[in-house]
């Protein structure tokens, strides 16, 4: 029997391993530059603002607001059973923007500026995906 399309899963590497490992523990760890103190997302090898390579990761609250979103009606085959669903840009309270999925939100309402918090959905033994849901 054909199991259907295979869902892509994150493949941690040397630059992203700490971020993905934290997701398995239900923690959102965002990269931060020790030289200029800015938070950075997605993880990189040098700070895009000051070019320092003195980077580390810090746990953050996972709270933010929806900056923008789109409703996906026609999803790729691997996610077709989940459509319709919301994909959003979330501005975290630490100043970075994440591309993510929204869960627990009706698909027929405007969610711009909706306060949200991170939640995690396991994808594999190496990573869970950070999704966002409305703050209580």
Protein backbone atom coordinates (compact mmCIF):
# COMPACT_ATOMS: atom_id res chain seq x y z
CA UNK A 1 0.00 0.00 0.00
CA UNK A 2 1.31 3.44 -0.96
CA UNK A 3 1.78 5.59 2.19
CA UNK A 4 1.28 8.75 0.14
CA UNK A 5 3.53 11.79 -0.07
CA UNK A 6 6.35 12.03 2.43
CA UNK A 7 6.32 15.16 4.56
CA UNK A 8 9.57 17.10 4.55
CA UNK A 9 11.20 17.35 7.96
CA UNK A 10 13.88 19.72 9.25
CA UNK A 11 17.44 18.48 8.81
CA UNK A 12 19.51 20.07 11.60
CA UNK A 13 23.06 21.04 10.72
CA UNK A 14 25.92 22.62 12.68
CA UNK A 15 24.30 26.08 12.53
CA UNK A 16 20.74 25.02 13.40
CA UNK A 17 21.19 21.99 15.69
CA UNK A 18 20.76 23.97 18.92
CA UNK A 19 17.56 25.60 17.66
CA UNK A 20 16.03 22.25 16.64
CA UNK A 21 17.17 20.41 19.78
CA UNK A 22 15.39 23.00 21.93
CA UNK A 23 12.15 22.51 19.99
CA UNK A 24 12.07 18.89 21.14
CA UNK A 25 12.05 20.20 24.73
CA UNK A 26 9.27 22.70 23.97
CA UNK A 27 11.61 25.69 24.06
CA UNK A 28 12.13 28.43 21.49
CA UNK A 29 15.82 29.35 21.34
CA UNK A 30 16.74 32.25 19.10
CA UNK A 31 20.25 33.11 18.03
CA UNK A 32 21.75 36.28 19.51
CA UNK A 33 24.89 38.22 18.62
CA UNK A 34 27.18 38.81 21.59
CA UNK A 35 28.80 41.82 19.88
CA UNK A 36 25.73 43.92 18.99
CA UNK A 37 23.14 42.10 21.15
CA UNK A 38 20.64 41.69 18.30
CA UNK A 39 18.51 38.58 17.98
CA UNK A 40 18.81 36.73 14.67
CA UNK A 41 16.43 34.34 12.99
CA UNK A 42 17.03 32.13 11.01
CA UNK A 43 20.34 30.83 12.49
CA UNK A 44 23.45 31.96 10.59
CA UNK A 45 27.21 31.74 10.91
CA UNK A 46 27.72 35.52 11.22
CA UNK A 47 25.57 38.40 12.43
CA UNK A 48 23.92 40.11 9.44
CA UNK A 49 24.21 43.52 11.17
CA UNK A 50 27.77 43.64 12.52
CA UNK A 51 29.35 40.56 10.87
CA UNK A 52 30.52 39.13 14.21
CA UNK A 53 30.76 35.36 14.47
CA UNK A 54 30.31 35.50 18.26
CA UNK A 55 26.79 34.07 18.25
CA UNK A 56 24.87 32.05 20.80
CA UNK A 57 21.31 30.95 21.49
CA UNK A 58 18.91 32.18 24.17
CA UNK A 59 15.53 30.93 25.31
CA UNK A 60 12.82 33.46 24.49
CA UNK A 61 9.19 33.69 25.59
CA UNK A 62 7.74 32.66 22.23
CA UNK A 63 5.20 35.48 22.38
CA UNK A 64 4.50 37.80 19.51
CA UNK A 65 1.88 39.23 17.17
CA UNK A 66 0.77 38.27 13.68
CA UNK A 67 2.29 40.68 11.14
CA UNK A 68 0.75 39.10 8.04
CA UNK A 69 -0.83 35.84 6.96
CA UNK A 70 -2.29 33.89 4.08
CA UNK A 71 -4.89 31.16 3.94
CA UNK A 72 -3.65 28.11 2.06
CA UNK A 73 -6.45 26.37 0.18
CA UNK A 74 -4.38 24.32 -2.26
CA UNK A 75 -1.52 22.81 -0.33
CA UNK A 76 1.39 20.72 -1.59
CA UNK A 77 0.51 17.01 -1.71
CA UNK A 78 2.26 16.26 1.59
CA UNK A 79 0.00 18.75 3.41
CA UNK A 80 -3.19 18.52 1.34
CA UNK A 81 -5.06 16.75 4.16
CA UNK A 82 -4.50 19.80 6.42
CA UNK A 83 -5.87 22.46 4.05
CA UNK A 84 -7.19 25.01 4.54
CA UNK A 85 -4.59 26.34 6.98
CA UNK A 86 -2.97 29.64 7.90
CA UNK A 87 0.66 30.50 7.20
CA UNK A 88 1.84 33.63 8.96
CA UNK A 89 4.68 36.01 9.63
CA UNK A 90 4.89 36.48 13.40
CA UNK A 91 6.83 39.35 14.98
CA UNK A 92 8.32 37.96 18.19
CA UNK A 93 8.65 40.24 21.20
CA UNK A 94 12.47 40.01 20.87
CA UNK A 95 12.40 41.70 17.48
CA UNK A 96 12.65 38.90 14.93
CA UNK A 97 10.05 37.77 12.42
CA UNK A 98 9.28 34.07 11.90
CA UNK A 99 7.49 32.35 9.05
CA UNK A 100 5.20 29.79 10.68
CA UNK A 101 1.79 28.16 10.80
CA UNK A 102 -1.10 29.37 12.95
CA UNK A 103 -3.19 26.81 14.82
CA UNK A 104 -6.33 27.16 16.90
CA UNK A 105 -7.48 30.13 14.86
CA UNK A 106 -10.62 30.21 12.67
CA UNK A 107 -9.68 30.53 9.01
CA UNK A 108 -12.45 33.05 8.31
CA UNK A 109 -11.31 35.94 10.52
CA UNK A 110 -8.65 38.62 10.13
CA UNK A 111 -5.75 37.79 12.46
CA UNK A 112 -3.47 40.78 11.82
CA UNK A 113 -2.08 41.98 15.20
CA UNK A 114 -3.41 38.88 16.99
CA UNK A 115 -1.26 38.17 20.09
CA UNK A 116 0.14 34.64 19.75
CA UNK A 117 2.46 32.26 21.55
CA UNK A 118 4.55 29.36 20.35
CA UNK A 119 3.50 25.73 20.55
CA UNK A 120 5.39 22.75 19.17
CA UNK A 121 4.42 19.79 17.01
CA UNK A 122 6.89 16.89 16.82
CA UNK A 123 7.97 16.05 13.27
CA UNK A 124 10.81 13.58 13.82
CA UNK A 125 13.25 12.44 16.47
CA UNK A 126 15.42 15.49 15.69
CA UNK A 127 12.93 18.35 15.49
CA UNK A 128 9.52 19.74 16.38
CA UNK A 129 7.98 22.56 14.38
CA UNK A 130 7.20 25.85 16.12
CA UNK A 131 3.60 26.79 15.33
CA UNK A 132 1.74 29.70 16.94
CA UNK A 133 -1.64 29.84 18.66
CA UNK A 134 -3.63 32.68 20.25
CA UNK A 135 -2.40 33.82 23.65
CA UNK A 136 -4.78 32.95 26.48
